[in-house]
């Protein structure tokens, strides 16, 4: 997930969107899910990842498609609306997962430039 560069309080926004998305998906499915929210730093840039899985199944193909609509809806919210929904979800039982920071080295062998060369 990429946020608008220079967005104030972007770590909170990413943490809130990801935790809310996983929580809402969990409620929608009526199942317990496990997730992590990760900020991946590499070079001079970064992005955020929501890593989500079903604890009882190794493969769950429906998570990605089910999550897409929820993420789109949450991404359209203002920061204040996001704060409100995040607080409401906490009252309903959301136990937010804290943002983890990881550093990723650039893998030049996976760069599209090398794929273009053939």
PDB file of N, CA and C in Angstrom:
ATOM      1  N   UNK A   1       0.855  -1.156   0.000  1.00  0.00           N
ATOM      2  CA  UNK A   1       0.000   0.000   0.000  1.00  0.00           C
ATOM      3  C   UNK A   1       0.906   1.225   0.000  1.00  0.00           C
ATOM      4  N   UNK A   2       0.654   2.140  -0.905  1.00  0.00           N
ATOM      5  CA  UNK A   2       1.398   3.388  -0.977  1.00  0.00           C
ATOM      6  C   UNK A   2       0.460   4.520  -0.579  1.00  0.00           C
ATOM      7  N   UNK A   3       0.954   5.410   0.273  1.00  0.00           N
ATOM      8  CA  UNK A   3       0.180   6.574   0.684  1.00  0.00           C
ATOM      9  C   UNK A   3       0.728   7.809  -0.018  1.00  0.00           C
ATOM     10  N   UNK A   4      -0.039   8.873  -0.010  1.00  0.00           N
ATOM     11  CA  UNK A   4       0.388  10.123  -0.620  1.00  0.00           C
ATOM     12  C   UNK A   4       1.655  10.601   0.066  1.00  0.00           C
ATOM     13  N   UNK A   5       2.724  10.869  -0.703  1.00  0.00           N
ATOM     14  CA  UNK A   5       3.974  11.328  -0.097  1.00  0.00           C
ATOM     15  C   UNK A   5       3.765  12.603   0.720  1.00  0.00           C
ATOM     16  N   UNK A   6       4.381  12.635   1.895  1.00  0.00           N
ATOM     17  CA  UNK A   6       4.285  13.804   2.759  1.00  0.00           C
ATOM     18  C   UNK A   6       3.016  13.874   3.574  1.00  0.00           C
ATOM     19  N   UNK A   7       2.198  12.853   3.517  1.00  0.00           N
ATOM     20  CA  UNK A   7       0.950  12.838   4.280  1.00  0.00           C
ATOM     21  C   UNK A   7       1.279  12.930   5.767  1.00  0.00           C
ATOM     22  N   UNK A   8       0.636  13.857   6.482  1.00  0.00           N
ATOM     23  CA  UNK A   8       0.898  13.933   7.922  1.00  0.00           C
ATOM     24  C   UNK A   8       0.381  12.679   8.634  1.00  0.00           C
ATOM     25  N   UNK A   9       1.165  12.202   9.566  1.00  0.00           N
ATOM     26  CA  UNK A   9       0.787  11.050  10.390  1.00  0.00           C
ATOM     27  C   UNK A   9       0.525   9.798   9.551  1.00  0.00           C
ATOM     28  N   UNK A  10       1.378   9.585   8.529  1.00  0.00           N
ATOM     29  CA  UNK A  10       1.147   8.465   7.619  1.00  0.00           C
ATOM     30  C   UNK A  10       1.280   7.105   8.292  1.00  0.00           C
ATOM     31  N   UNK A  11       2.129   6.995   9.301  1.00  0.00           N
ATOM     32  CA  UNK A  11       2.230   5.711  10.001  1.00  0.00           C
ATOM     33  C   UNK A  11       0.911   5.359  10.678  1.00  0.00           C
ATOM     34  N   UNK A  12       0.256   6.360  11.297  1.00  0.00           N
ATOM     35  CA  UNK A  12      -1.057   6.100  11.901  1.00  0.00           C
ATOM     36  C   UNK A  12      -2.072   5.711  10.830  1.00  0.00           C
ATOM     37  N   UNK A  13      -2.074   6.429   9.716  1.00  0.00           N
ATOM     38  CA  UNK A  13      -3.048   6.157   8.651  1.00  0.00           C
ATOM     39  C   UNK A  13      -2.882   4.728   8.144  1.00  0.00           C
ATOM     40  N   UNK A  14      -1.647   4.317   7.885  1.00  0.00           N
ATOM     41  CA  UNK A  14      -1.410   2.954   7.404  1.00  0.00           C
ATOM     42  C   UNK A  14      -1.806   1.922   8.456  1.00  0.00           C
ATOM     43  N   UNK A  15      -1.425   2.182   9.697  1.00  0.00           N
ATOM     44  CA  UNK A  15      -1.760   1.256  10.779  1.00  0.00           C
ATOM     45  C   UNK A  15      -3.275   1.143  10.951  1.00  0.00           C
ATOM     46  N   UNK A  16      -3.963   2.274  10.883  1.00  0.00           N
ATOM     47  CA  UNK A  16      -5.421   2.270  11.052  1.00  0.00           C
ATOM     48  C   UNK A  16      -6.110   1.568   9.887  1.00  0.00           C
ATOM     49  N   UNK A  17      -5.730   1.908   8.654  1.00  0.00           N
ATOM     50  CA  UNK A  17      -6.365   1.274   7.486  1.00  0.00           C
ATOM     51  C   UNK A  17      -6.155  -0.235   7.514  1.00  0.00           C
ATOM     52  N   UNK A  18      -4.939  -0.669   7.766  1.00  0.00           N
ATOM     53  CA  UNK A  18      -4.647  -2.104   7.743  1.00  0.00           C
ATOM     54  C   UNK A  18      -5.361  -2.851   8.874  1.00  0.00           C
ATOM     55  N   UNK A  19      -5.316  -2.305  10.093  1.00  0.00           N
ATOM     56  CA  UNK A  19      -5.991  -2.963  11.208  1.00  0.00           C
ATOM     57  C   UNK A  19      -7.499  -2.995  11.005  1.00  0.00           C
ATOM     58  N   UNK A  20      -8.057  -1.881  10.539  1.00  0.00           N
ATOM     59  CA  UNK A  20      -9.500  -1.849  10.279  1.00  0.00           C
ATOM     60  C   UNK A  20      -9.888  -2.829   9.183  1.00  0.00           C
ATOM     61  N   UNK A  21      -9.104  -2.880   8.114  1.00  0.00           N
ATOM     62  CA  UNK A  21      -9.420  -3.793   7.007  1.00  0.00           C
ATOM     63  C   UNK A  21      -9.423  -5.240   7.482  1.00  0.00           C
ATOM     64  N   UNK A  22      -8.406  -5.627   8.235  1.00  0.00           N
ATOM     65  CA  UNK A  22      -8.336  -7.001   8.734  1.00  0.00           C
ATOM     66  C   UNK A  22      -9.481  -7.287   9.708  1.00  0.00           C
ATOM     67  N   UNK A  23      -9.772  -6.331  10.576  1.00  0.00           N
ATOM     68  CA  UNK A  23     -10.856  -6.498  11.552  1.00  0.00           C
ATOM     69  C   UNK A  23     -12.208  -6.626  10.854  1.00  0.00           C
ATOM     70  N   UNK A  24     -12.463  -5.770   9.867  1.00  0.00           N
ATOM     71  CA  UNK A  24     -13.739  -5.823   9.143  1.00  0.00           C
ATOM     72  C   UNK A  24     -13.863  -7.113   8.344  1.00  0.00           C
ATOM     73  N   UNK A  25     -12.771  -7.570   7.741  1.00  0.00           N
ATOM     74  CA  UNK A  25     -12.794  -8.833   7.009  1.00  0.00           C
ATOM     75  C   UNK A  25     -13.073  -9.992   7.967  1.00  0.00           C
ATOM     76  N   UNK A  26     -12.462  -9.944   9.121  1.00  0.00           N
ATOM     77  CA  UNK A  26     -12.684 -10.975  10.132  1.00  0.00           C
ATOM     78  C   UNK A  26     -14.154 -11.021  10.546  1.00  0.00           C
ATOM     79  N   UNK A  27     -14.754  -9.853  10.753  1.00  0.00           N
ATOM     80  CA  UNK A  27     -16.174  -9.793  11.119  1.00  0.00           C
ATOM     81  C   UNK A  27     -17.055 -10.280   9.972  1.00  0.00           C
ATOM     82  N   UNK A  28     -16.731  -9.856   8.757  1.00  0.00           N
ATOM     83  CA  UNK A  28     -17.515 -10.237   7.582  1.00  0.00           C
ATOM     84  C   UNK A  28     -17.509 -11.749   7.382  1.00  0.00           C
ATOM     85  N   UNK A  29     -16.366 -12.371   7.584  1.00  0.00           N
ATOM     86  CA  UNK A  29     -16.238 -13.809   7.389  1.00  0.00           C
ATOM     87  C   UNK A  29     -16.692 -14.620   8.592  1.00  0.00           C
ATOM     88  N   UNK A  30     -16.755 -13.994   9.763  1.00  0.00           N
ATOM     89  CA  UNK A  30     -17.106 -14.725  10.971  1.00  0.00           C
ATOM     90  C   UNK A  30     -16.027 -15.702  11.393  1.00  0.00           C
ATOM     91  N   UNK A  31     -14.772 -15.376  11.073  1.00  0.00           N
ATOM     92  CA  UNK A  31     -13.636 -16.235  11.387  1.00  0.00           C
ATOM     93  C   UNK A  31     -12.550 -15.410  12.068  1.00  0.00           C
ATOM     94  N   UNK A  32     -11.697 -16.085  12.797  1.00  0.00           N
ATOM     95  CA  UNK A  32     -10.548 -15.425  13.392  1.00  0.00           C
ATOM     96  C   UNK A  32      -9.425 -15.388  12.364  1.00  0.00           C
ATOM     97  N   UNK A  33      -8.826 -14.207  12.176  1.00  0.00           N
ATOM     98  CA  UNK A  33      -7.707 -14.042  11.257  1.00  0.00           C
ATOM     99  C   UNK A  33      -6.504 -13.509  12.028  1.00  0.00           C
ATOM    100  N   UNK A  34      -5.324 -13.734  11.485  1.00  0.00           N
ATOM    101  CA  UNK A  34      -4.090 -13.198  12.068  1.00  0.00           C
ATOM    102  C   UNK A  34      -3.490 -12.245  11.052  1.00  0.00           C
ATOM    103  N   UNK A  35      -2.949 -11.110  11.531  1.00  0.00           N
ATOM    104  CA  UNK A  35      -2.378 -10.140  10.605  1.00  0.00           C
ATOM    105  C   UNK A  35      -1.233  -9.366  11.228  1.00  0.00           C
ATOM    106  N   UNK A  36      -0.444  -8.770  10.343  1.00  0.00           N
ATOM    107  CA  UNK A  36       0.640  -7.872  10.710  1.00  0.00           C
ATOM    108  C   UNK A  36       0.563  -6.655   9.812  1.00  0.00           C
ATOM    109  N   UNK A  37       1.016  -5.522  10.332  1.00  0.00           N
ATOM    110  CA  UNK A  37       1.109  -4.287   9.554  1.00  0.00           C
ATOM    111  C   UNK A  37       2.585  -3.937   9.508  1.00  0.00           C
ATOM    112  N   UNK A  38       3.131  -3.820   8.295  1.00  0.00           N
ATOM    113  CA  UNK A  38       4.572  -3.663   8.126  1.00  0.00           C
ATOM    114  C   UNK A  38       4.880  -2.426   7.290  1.00  0.00           C
ATOM    115  N   UNK A  39       5.832  -1.629   7.768  1.00  0.00           N
ATOM    116  CA  UNK A  39       6.379  -0.530   6.975  1.00  0.00           C
ATOM    117  C   UNK A  39       7.700  -1.033   6.420  1.00  0.00           C
ATOM    118  N   UNK A  40       7.793  -1.112   5.089  1.00  0.00           N
ATOM    119  CA  UNK A  40       8.979  -1.621   4.411  1.00  0.00           C
ATOM    120  C   UNK A  40       9.774  -0.429   3.880  1.00  0.00           C
ATOM    121  N   UNK A  41      10.944  -0.208   4.457  1.00  0.00           N
ATOM    122  CA  UNK A  41      11.832   0.866   4.017  1.00  0.00           C
ATOM    123  C   UNK A  41      12.888   0.288   3.091  1.00  0.00           C
ATOM    124  N   UNK A  42      13.105   0.954   1.959  1.00  0.00           N
ATOM    125  CA  UNK A  42      14.187   0.564   1.063  1.00  0.00           C
ATOM    126  C   UNK A  42      14.662   1.804   0.325  1.00  0.00           C
ATOM    127  N   UNK A  43      15.986   1.969   0.331  1.00  0.00           N
ATOM    128  CA  UNK A  43      16.531   3.164  -0.304  1.00  0.00           C
ATOM    129  C   UNK A  43      15.961   4.413   0.336  1.00  0.00           C
ATOM    130  N   UNK A  44      15.476   5.322  -0.498  1.00  0.00           N
ATOM    131  CA  UNK A  44      14.886   6.570  -0.018  1.00  0.00           C
ATOM    132  C   UNK A  44      13.368   6.533  -0.006  1.00  0.00           C
ATOM    133  N   UNK A  45      12.780   5.377  -0.118  1.00  0.00           N
ATOM    134  CA  UNK A  45      11.319   5.299  -0.147  1.00  0.00           C
ATOM    135  C   UNK A  45      10.831   4.183   0.770  1.00  0.00           C
ATOM    136  N   UNK A  46       9.530   4.085   0.869  1.00  0.00           N
ATOM    137  CA  UNK A  46       8.925   3.048   1.697  1.00  0.00           C
ATOM    138  C   UNK A  46       7.503   2.781   1.219  1.00  0.00           C
ATOM    139  N   UNK A  47       6.960   1.684   1.662  1.00  0.00           N
ATOM    140  CA  UNK A  47       5.557   1.367   1.452  1.00  0.00           C
ATOM    141  C   UNK A  47       5.089   0.533   2.642  1.00  0.00           C
ATOM    142  N   UNK A  48       3.808   0.284   2.693  1.00  0.00           N
ATOM    143  CA  UNK A  48       3.219  -0.458   3.805  1.00  0.00           C
ATOM    144  C   UNK A  48       2.613  -1.750   3.267  1.00  0.00           C
ATOM    145  N   UNK A  49       2.650  -2.779   4.096  1.00  0.00           N
ATOM    146  CA  UNK A  49       2.054  -4.063   3.719  1.00  0.00           C
ATOM    147  C   UNK A  49       1.152  -4.549   4.837  1.00  0.00           C
ATOM    148  N   UNK A  50       0.042  -5.097   4.422  1.00  0.00           N
ATOM    149  CA  UNK A  50      -0.829  -5.816   5.343  1.00  0.00           C
ATOM    150  C   UNK A  50      -0.628  -7.290   5.039  1.00  0.00           C
ATOM    151  N   UNK A  51      -0.111  -8.013   6.006  1.00  0.00           N
ATOM    152  CA  UNK A  51       0.103  -9.453   5.864  1.00  0.00           C
ATOM    153  C   UNK A  51      -0.988 -10.114   6.681  1.00  0.00           C
ATOM    154  N   UNK A  52      -1.858 -10.821   5.992  1.00  0.00           N
ATOM    155  CA  UNK A  52      -3.030 -11.399   6.662  1.00  0.00           C
ATOM    156  C   UNK A  52      -3.152 -12.863   6.264  1.00  0.00           C
ATOM    157  N   UNK A  53      -3.564 -13.674   7.239  1.00  0.00           N
ATOM    158  CA  UNK A  53      -3.715 -15.109   6.957  1.00  0.00           C
ATOM    159  C   UNK A  53      -4.784 -15.703   7.864  1.00  0.00           C
ATOM    160  N   UNK A  54      -5.238 -16.845   7.453  1.00  0.00           N
ATOM    161  CA  UNK A  54      -6.168 -17.616   8.265  1.00  0.00           C
ATOM    162  C   UNK A  54      -5.314 -18.586   9.079  1.00  0.00           C
ATOM    163  N   UNK A  55      -5.439 -18.596  10.391  1.00  0.00           N
ATOM    164  CA  UNK A  55      -4.547 -19.422  11.209  1.00  0.00           C
ATOM    165  C   UNK A  55      -4.713 -20.930  11.026  1.00  0.00           C
ATOM    166  N   UNK A  56      -5.849 -21.359  10.495  1.00  0.00           N
ATOM    167  CA  UNK A  56      -6.092 -22.795  10.352  1.00  0.00           C
ATOM    168  C   UNK A  56      -5.873 -23.325   8.939  1.00  0.00           C
ATOM    169  N   UNK A  57      -5.722 -22.422   7.978  1.00  0.00           N
ATOM    170  CA  UNK A  57      -5.553 -22.853   6.585  1.00  0.00           C
ATOM    171  C   UNK A  57      -4.268 -22.252   6.022  1.00  0.00           C
ATOM    172  N   UNK A  58      -3.491 -23.062   5.364  1.00  0.00           N
ATOM    173  CA  UNK A  58      -2.258 -22.583   4.754  1.00  0.00           C
ATOM    174  C   UNK A  58      -2.589 -21.714   3.546  1.00  0.00           C
ATOM    175  N   UNK A  59      -3.584 -22.091   2.793  1.00  0.00           N
ATOM    176  CA  UNK A  59      -3.946 -21.376   1.578  1.00  0.00           C
ATOM    177  C   UNK A  59      -5.400 -20.938   1.660  1.00  0.00           C
ATOM    178  N   UNK A  60      -5.634 -19.651   1.487  1.00  0.00           N
ATOM    179  CA  UNK A  60      -6.990 -19.109   1.492  1.00  0.00           C
ATOM    180  C   UNK A  60      -7.062 -18.090   0.366  1.00  0.00           C
ATOM    181  N   UNK A  61      -7.481 -18.539  -0.796  1.00  0.00           N
ATOM    182  CA  UNK A  61      -7.469 -17.694  -1.990  1.00  0.00           C
ATOM    183  C   UNK A  61      -8.454 -16.542  -1.936  1.00  0.00           C
ATOM    184  N   UNK A  62      -9.463 -16.609  -1.094  1.00  0.00           N
ATOM    185  CA  UNK A  62     -10.482 -15.581  -1.054  1.00  0.00           C
ATOM    186  C   UNK A  62     -10.100 -14.326  -0.291  1.00  0.00           C
ATOM    187  N   UNK A  63      -9.054 -14.378   0.507  1.00  0.00           N
ATOM    188  CA  UNK A  63      -8.689 -13.226   1.335  1.00  0.00           C
ATOM    189  C   UNK A  63      -8.375 -12.011   0.476  1.00  0.00           C
ATOM    190  N   UNK A  64      -7.578 -12.180  -0.557  1.00  0.00           N
ATOM    191  CA  UNK A  64      -7.161 -11.040  -1.380  1.00  0.00           C
ATOM    192  C   UNK A  64      -8.353 -10.357  -2.040  1.00  0.00           C
ATOM    193  N   UNK A  65      -9.247 -11.124  -2.621  1.00  0.00           N
ATOM    194  CA  UNK A  65     -10.395 -10.514  -3.298  1.00  0.00           C
ATOM    195  C   UNK A  65     -11.365  -9.893  -2.297  1.00  0.00           C
ATOM    196  N   UNK A  66     -11.579 -10.543  -1.169  1.00  0.00           N
ATOM    197  CA  UNK A  66     -12.478  -9.993  -0.150  1.00  0.00           C
ATOM    198  C   UNK A  66     -11.923  -8.703   0.448  1.00  0.00           C
ATOM    199  N   UNK A  67     -10.618  -8.619   0.546  1.00  0.00           N
ATOM    200  CA  UNK A  67      -9.962  -7.473   1.171  1.00  0.00           C
ATOM    201  C   UNK A  67      -9.941  -6.241   0.273  1.00  0.00           C
ATOM    202  N   UNK A  68      -9.947  -6.440  -1.041  1.00  0.00           N
ATOM    203  CA  UNK A  68      -9.847  -5.329  -1.986  1.00  0.00           C
ATOM    204  C   UNK A  68     -10.908  -4.260  -1.805  1.00  0.00           C
ATOM    205  N   UNK A  69     -12.152  -4.651  -1.708  1.00  0.00           N
ATOM    206  CA  UNK A  69     -13.240  -3.688  -1.543  1.00  0.00           C
ATOM    207  C   UNK A  69     -13.169  -2.945  -0.223  1.00  0.00           C
ATOM    208  N   UNK A  70     -12.783  -3.668   0.814  1.00  0.00           N
ATOM    209  CA  UNK A  70     -12.668  -3.037   2.135  1.00  0.00           C
ATOM    210  C   UNK A  70     -11.561  -1.988   2.122  1.00  0.00           C
ATOM    211  N   UNK A  71     -10.420  -2.326   1.536  1.00  0.00           N
ATOM    212  CA  UNK A  71      -9.301  -1.366   1.465  1.00  0.00           C
ATOM    213  C   UNK A  71      -9.667  -0.136   0.646  1.00  0.00           C
ATOM    214  N   UNK A  72     -10.392  -0.333  -0.454  1.00  0.00           N
ATOM    215  CA  UNK A  72     -10.817   0.816  -1.272  1.00  0.00           C
ATOM    216  C   UNK A  72     -11.743   1.740  -0.486  1.00  0.00           C
ATOM    217  N   UNK A  73     -12.662   1.170   0.260  1.00  0.00           N
ATOM    218  CA  UNK A  73     -13.583   1.968   1.062  1.00  0.00           C
ATOM    219  C   UNK A  73     -12.837   2.753   2.139  1.00  0.00           C
ATOM    220  N   UNK A  74     -11.926   2.098   2.840  1.00  0.00           N
ATOM    221  CA  UNK A  74     -11.178   2.763   3.904  1.00  0.00           C
ATOM    222  C   UNK A  74     -10.225   3.819   3.360  1.00  0.00           C
ATOM    223  N   UNK A  75      -9.660   3.580   2.193  1.00  0.00           N
ATOM    224  CA  UNK A  75      -8.712   4.526   1.596  1.00  0.00           C
ATOM    225  C   UNK A  75      -9.386   5.831   1.208  1.00  0.00           C
ATOM    226  N   UNK A  76     -10.679   5.802   0.992  1.00  0.00           N
ATOM    227  CA  UNK A  76     -11.405   7.008   0.595  1.00  0.00           C
ATOM    228  C   UNK A  76     -11.752   7.905   1.788  1.00  0.00           C
ATOM    229  N   UNK A  77     -11.566   7.415   3.007  1.00  0.00           N
ATOM    230  CA  UNK A  77     -11.923   8.187   4.192  1.00  0.00           C
ATOM    231  C   UNK A  77     -10.896   9.278   4.491  1.00  0.00           C
ATOM    232  N   UNK A  78     -11.361  10.355   5.105  1.00  0.00           N
ATOM    233  CA  UNK A  78     -10.450  11.390   5.589  1.00  0.00           C
ATOM    234  C   UNK A  78      -9.740  10.857   6.837  1.00  0.00           C
ATOM    235  N   UNK A  79      -8.681  11.527   7.250  1.00  0.00           N
ATOM    236  CA  UNK A  79      -7.942  11.093   8.436  1.00  0.00           C
ATOM    237  C   UNK A  79      -8.843  11.142   9.671  1.00  0.00           C
ATOM    238  N   UNK A  80      -9.664  12.171   9.775  1.00  0.00           N
ATOM    239  CA  UNK A  80     -10.567  12.269  10.930  1.00  0.00           C
ATOM    240  C   UNK A  80     -11.613  11.155  10.930  1.00  0.00           C
ATOM    241  N   UNK A  81     -12.170  10.847   9.771  1.00  0.00           N
ATOM    242  CA  UNK A  81     -13.145   9.759   9.683  1.00  0.00           C
ATOM    243  C   UNK A  81     -12.479   8.422  10.006  1.00  0.00           C
ATOM    244  N   UNK A  82     -11.236   8.292   9.592  1.00  0.00           N
ATOM    245  CA  UNK A  82     -10.469   7.086   9.886  1.00  0.00           C
ATOM    246  C   UNK A  82     -10.243   6.951  11.397  1.00  0.00           C
ATOM    247  N   UNK A  83      -9.902   8.057  12.048  1.00  0.00           N
ATOM    248  CA  UNK A  83      -9.725   8.050  13.510  1.00  0.00           C
ATOM    249  C   UNK A  83     -11.028   7.630  14.208  1.00  0.00           C
ATOM    250  N   UNK A  84     -12.150   8.145  13.722  1.00  0.00           N
ATOM    251  CA  UNK A  84     -13.448   7.823  14.314  1.00  0.00           C
ATOM    252  C   UNK A  84     -13.758   6.339  14.157  1.00  0.00           C
ATOM    253  N   UNK A  85     -13.566   5.814  12.950  1.00  0.00           N
ATOM    254  CA  UNK A  85     -13.837   4.390  12.713  1.00  0.00           C
ATOM    255  C   UNK A  85     -12.898   3.496  13.516  1.00  0.00           C
ATOM    256  N   UNK A  86     -11.642   3.931  13.626  1.00  0.00           N
ATOM    257  CA  UNK A  86     -10.645   3.164  14.380  1.00  0.00           C
ATOM    258  C   UNK A  86     -11.050   3.088  15.855  1.00  0.00           C
ATOM    259  N   UNK A  87     -11.490   4.215  16.420  1.00  0.00           N
ATOM    260  CA  UNK A  87     -11.937   4.246  17.816  1.00  0.00           C
ATOM    261  C   UNK A  87     -13.186   3.386  18.006  1.00  0.00           C
ATOM    262  N   UNK A  88     -14.109   3.463  17.060  1.00  0.00           N
ATOM    263  CA  UNK A  88     -15.341   2.670  17.144  1.00  0.00           C
ATOM    264  C   UNK A  88     -15.028   1.170  17.079  1.00  0.00           C
ATOM    265  N   UNK A  89     -14.108   0.800  16.203  1.00  0.00           N
ATOM    266  CA  UNK A  89     -13.728  -0.611  16.081  1.00  0.00           C
ATOM    267  C   UNK A  89     -13.047  -1.104  17.362  1.00  0.00           C
ATOM    268  N   UNK A  90     -12.257  -0.236  17.995  1.00  0.00           N
ATOM    269  CA  UNK A  90     -11.618  -0.615  19.259  1.00  0.00           C
ATOM    270  C   UNK A  90     -12.668  -0.895  20.327  1.00  0.00           C
ATOM    271  N   UNK A  91     -13.739  -0.121  20.319  1.00  0.00           N
ATOM    272  CA  UNK A  91     -14.839  -0.356  21.256  1.00  0.00           C
ATOM    273  C   UNK A  91     -15.553  -1.671  20.962  1.00  0.00           C
ATOM    274  N   UNK A  92     -15.540  -2.081  19.685  1.00  0.00           N
ATOM    275  CA  UNK A  92     -16.191  -3.328  19.271  1.00  0.00           C
ATOM    276  C   UNK A  92     -15.287  -4.544  19.417  1.00  0.00           C
ATOM    277  N   UNK A  93     -14.047  -4.336  19.881  1.00  0.00           N
ATOM    278  CA  UNK A  93     -13.173  -5.486  20.123  1.00  0.00           C
ATOM    279  C   UNK A  93     -11.899  -5.540  19.303  1.00  0.00           C
ATOM    280  N   UNK A  94     -11.646  -4.557  18.449  1.00  0.00           N
ATOM    281  CA  UNK A  94     -10.399  -4.550  17.687  1.00  0.00           C
ATOM    282  C   UNK A  94      -9.216  -4.404  18.633  1.00  0.00           C
ATOM    283  N   UNK A  95      -8.279  -5.326  18.513  1.00  0.00           N
ATOM    284  CA  UNK A  95      -7.014  -5.207  19.231  1.00  0.00           C
ATOM    285  C   UNK A  95      -5.960  -4.900  18.179  1.00  0.00           C
ATOM    286  N   UNK A  96      -5.654  -3.611  17.969  1.00  0.00           N
ATOM    287  CA  UNK A  96      -4.768  -3.241  16.878  1.00  0.00           C
ATOM    288  C   UNK A  96      -3.373  -3.837  17.009  1.00  0.00           C
ATOM    289  N   UNK A  97      -2.864  -4.279  15.883  1.00  0.00           N
ATOM    290  CA  UNK A  97      -1.508  -4.799  15.802  1.00  0.00           C
ATOM    291  C   UNK A  97      -0.595  -3.607  15.528  1.00  0.00           C
ATOM    292  N   UNK A  98       0.467  -3.441  16.312  1.00  0.00           N
ATOM    293  CA  UNK A  98       1.341  -2.286  16.084  1.00  0.00           C
ATOM    294  C   UNK A  98       2.117  -2.395  14.772  1.00  0.00           C
ATOM    295  N   UNK A  99       2.474  -1.260  14.249  1.00  0.00           N
ATOM    296  CA  UNK A  99       3.245  -1.166  13.009  1.00  0.00           C
ATOM    297  C   UNK A  99       4.651  -1.698  13.248  1.00  0.00           C
ATOM    298  N   UNK A 100       5.091  -2.623  12.393  1.00  0.00           N
ATOM    299  CA  UNK A 100       6.466  -3.138  12.431  1.00  0.00           C
ATOM    300  C   UNK A 100       7.267  -2.453  11.336  1.00  0.00           C
ATOM    301  N   UNK A 101       8.528  -2.186  11.602  1.00  0.00           N
ATOM    302  CA  UNK A 101       9.419  -1.583  10.617  1.00  0.00           C
ATOM    303  C   UNK A 101      10.426  -2.637  10.169  1.00  0.00           C
ATOM    304  N   UNK A 102      10.564  -2.787   8.850  1.00  0.00           N
ATOM    305  CA  UNK A 102      11.587  -3.673   8.295  1.00  0.00           C
ATOM    306  C   UNK A 102      12.318  -2.928   7.192  1.00  0.00           C
ATOM    307  N   UNK A 103      13.556  -3.324   6.967  1.00  0.00           N
ATOM    308  CA  UNK A 103      14.350  -2.731   5.895  1.00  0.00           C
ATOM    309  C   UNK A 103      14.546  -3.789   4.822  1.00  0.00           C
ATOM    310  N   UNK A 104      14.351  -3.406   3.587  1.00  0.00           N
ATOM    311  CA  UNK A 104      14.503  -4.327   2.467  1.00  0.00           C
ATOM    312  C   UNK A 104      15.552  -3.769   1.525  1.00  0.00           C
ATOM    313  N   UNK A 105      16.521  -4.577   1.190  1.00  0.00           N
ATOM    314  CA  UNK A 105      17.529  -4.162   0.221  1.00  0.00           C
ATOM    315  C   UNK A 105      16.947  -4.261  -1.179  1.00  0.00           C
ATOM    316  N   UNK A 106      17.379  -3.378  -2.051  1.00  0.00           N
ATOM    317  CA  UNK A 106      16.916  -3.400  -3.431  1.00  0.00           C
ATOM    318  C   UNK A 106      17.486  -4.636  -4.110  1.00  0.00           C
ATOM    319  N   UNK A 107      16.626  -5.386  -4.777  1.00  0.00           N
ATOM    320  CA  UNK A 107      17.045  -6.587  -5.507  1.00  0.00           C
ATOM    321  C   UNK A 107      17.108  -6.228  -6.985  1.00  0.00           C
ATOM    322  N   UNK A 108      18.296  -5.915  -7.458  1.00  0.00           N
ATOM    323  CA  UNK A 108      18.452  -5.473  -8.835  1.00  0.00           C
ATOM    324  C   UNK A 108      18.129  -6.569  -9.847  1.00  0.00           C
ATOM    325  N   UNK A 109      18.202  -7.812  -9.432  1.00  0.00           N
ATOM    326  CA  UNK A 109      17.898  -8.898 -10.356  1.00  0.00           C
ATOM    327  C   UNK A 109      16.406  -9.031 -10.607  1.00  0.00           C
ATOM    328  N   UNK A 110      15.587  -8.448  -9.779  1.00  0.00           N
ATOM    329  CA  UNK A 110      14.142  -8.468  -9.995  1.00  0.00           C
ATOM    330  C   UNK A 110      13.650  -7.182 -10.630  1.00  0.00           C
ATOM    331  N   UNK A 111      14.549  -6.301 -10.973  1.00  0.00           N
ATOM    332  CA  UNK A 111      14.199  -5.023 -11.581  1.00  0.00           C
ATOM    333  C   UNK A 111      13.633  -5.265 -12.981  1.00  0.00           C
ATOM    334  N   UNK A 112      12.578  -4.546 -13.365  1.00  0.00           N
ATOM    335  CA  UNK A 112      11.963  -4.719 -14.681  1.00  0.00           C
ATOM    336  C   UNK A 112      12.921  -4.404 -15.821  1.00  0.00           C
ATOM    337  N   UNK A 113      13.935  -3.588 -15.563  1.00  0.00           N
ATOM    338  CA  UNK A 113      14.928  -3.294 -16.594  1.00  0.00           C
ATOM    339  C   UNK A 113      15.553  -4.575 -17.111  1.00  0.00           C
ATOM    340  N   UNK A 114      15.904  -5.493 -16.211  1.00  0.00           N
ATOM    341  CA  UNK A 114      16.537  -6.745 -16.620  1.00  0.00           C
ATOM    342  C   UNK A 114      15.538  -7.638 -17.361  1.00  0.00           C
ATOM    343  N   UNK A 115      14.296  -7.581 -17.004  1.00  0.00           N
ATOM    344  CA  UNK A 115      13.284  -8.359 -17.718  1.00  0.00           C
ATOM    345  C   UNK A 115      13.105  -7.818 -19.132  1.00  0.00           C
ATOM    346  N   UNK A 116      13.188  -6.505 -19.292  1.00  0.00           N
ATOM    347  CA  UNK A 116      13.027  -5.891 -20.595  1.00  0.00           C
ATOM    348  C   UNK A 116      14.166  -6.306 -21.535  1.00  0.00           C
ATOM    349  N   UNK A 117      15.386  -6.431 -21.002  1.00  0.00           N
ATOM    350  CA  UNK A 117      16.522  -6.829 -21.817  1.00  0.00           C
ATOM    351  C   UNK A 117      16.385  -8.254 -22.321  1.00  0.00           C
ATOM    352  N   UNK A 118      15.612  -9.033 -21.634  1.00  0.00           N
ATOM    353  CA  UNK A 118      15.364 -10.376 -22.111  1.00  0.00           C
ATOM    354  C   UNK A 118      16.001 -11.413 -21.309  1.00  0.00           C
TER     355      UNK A 118
END
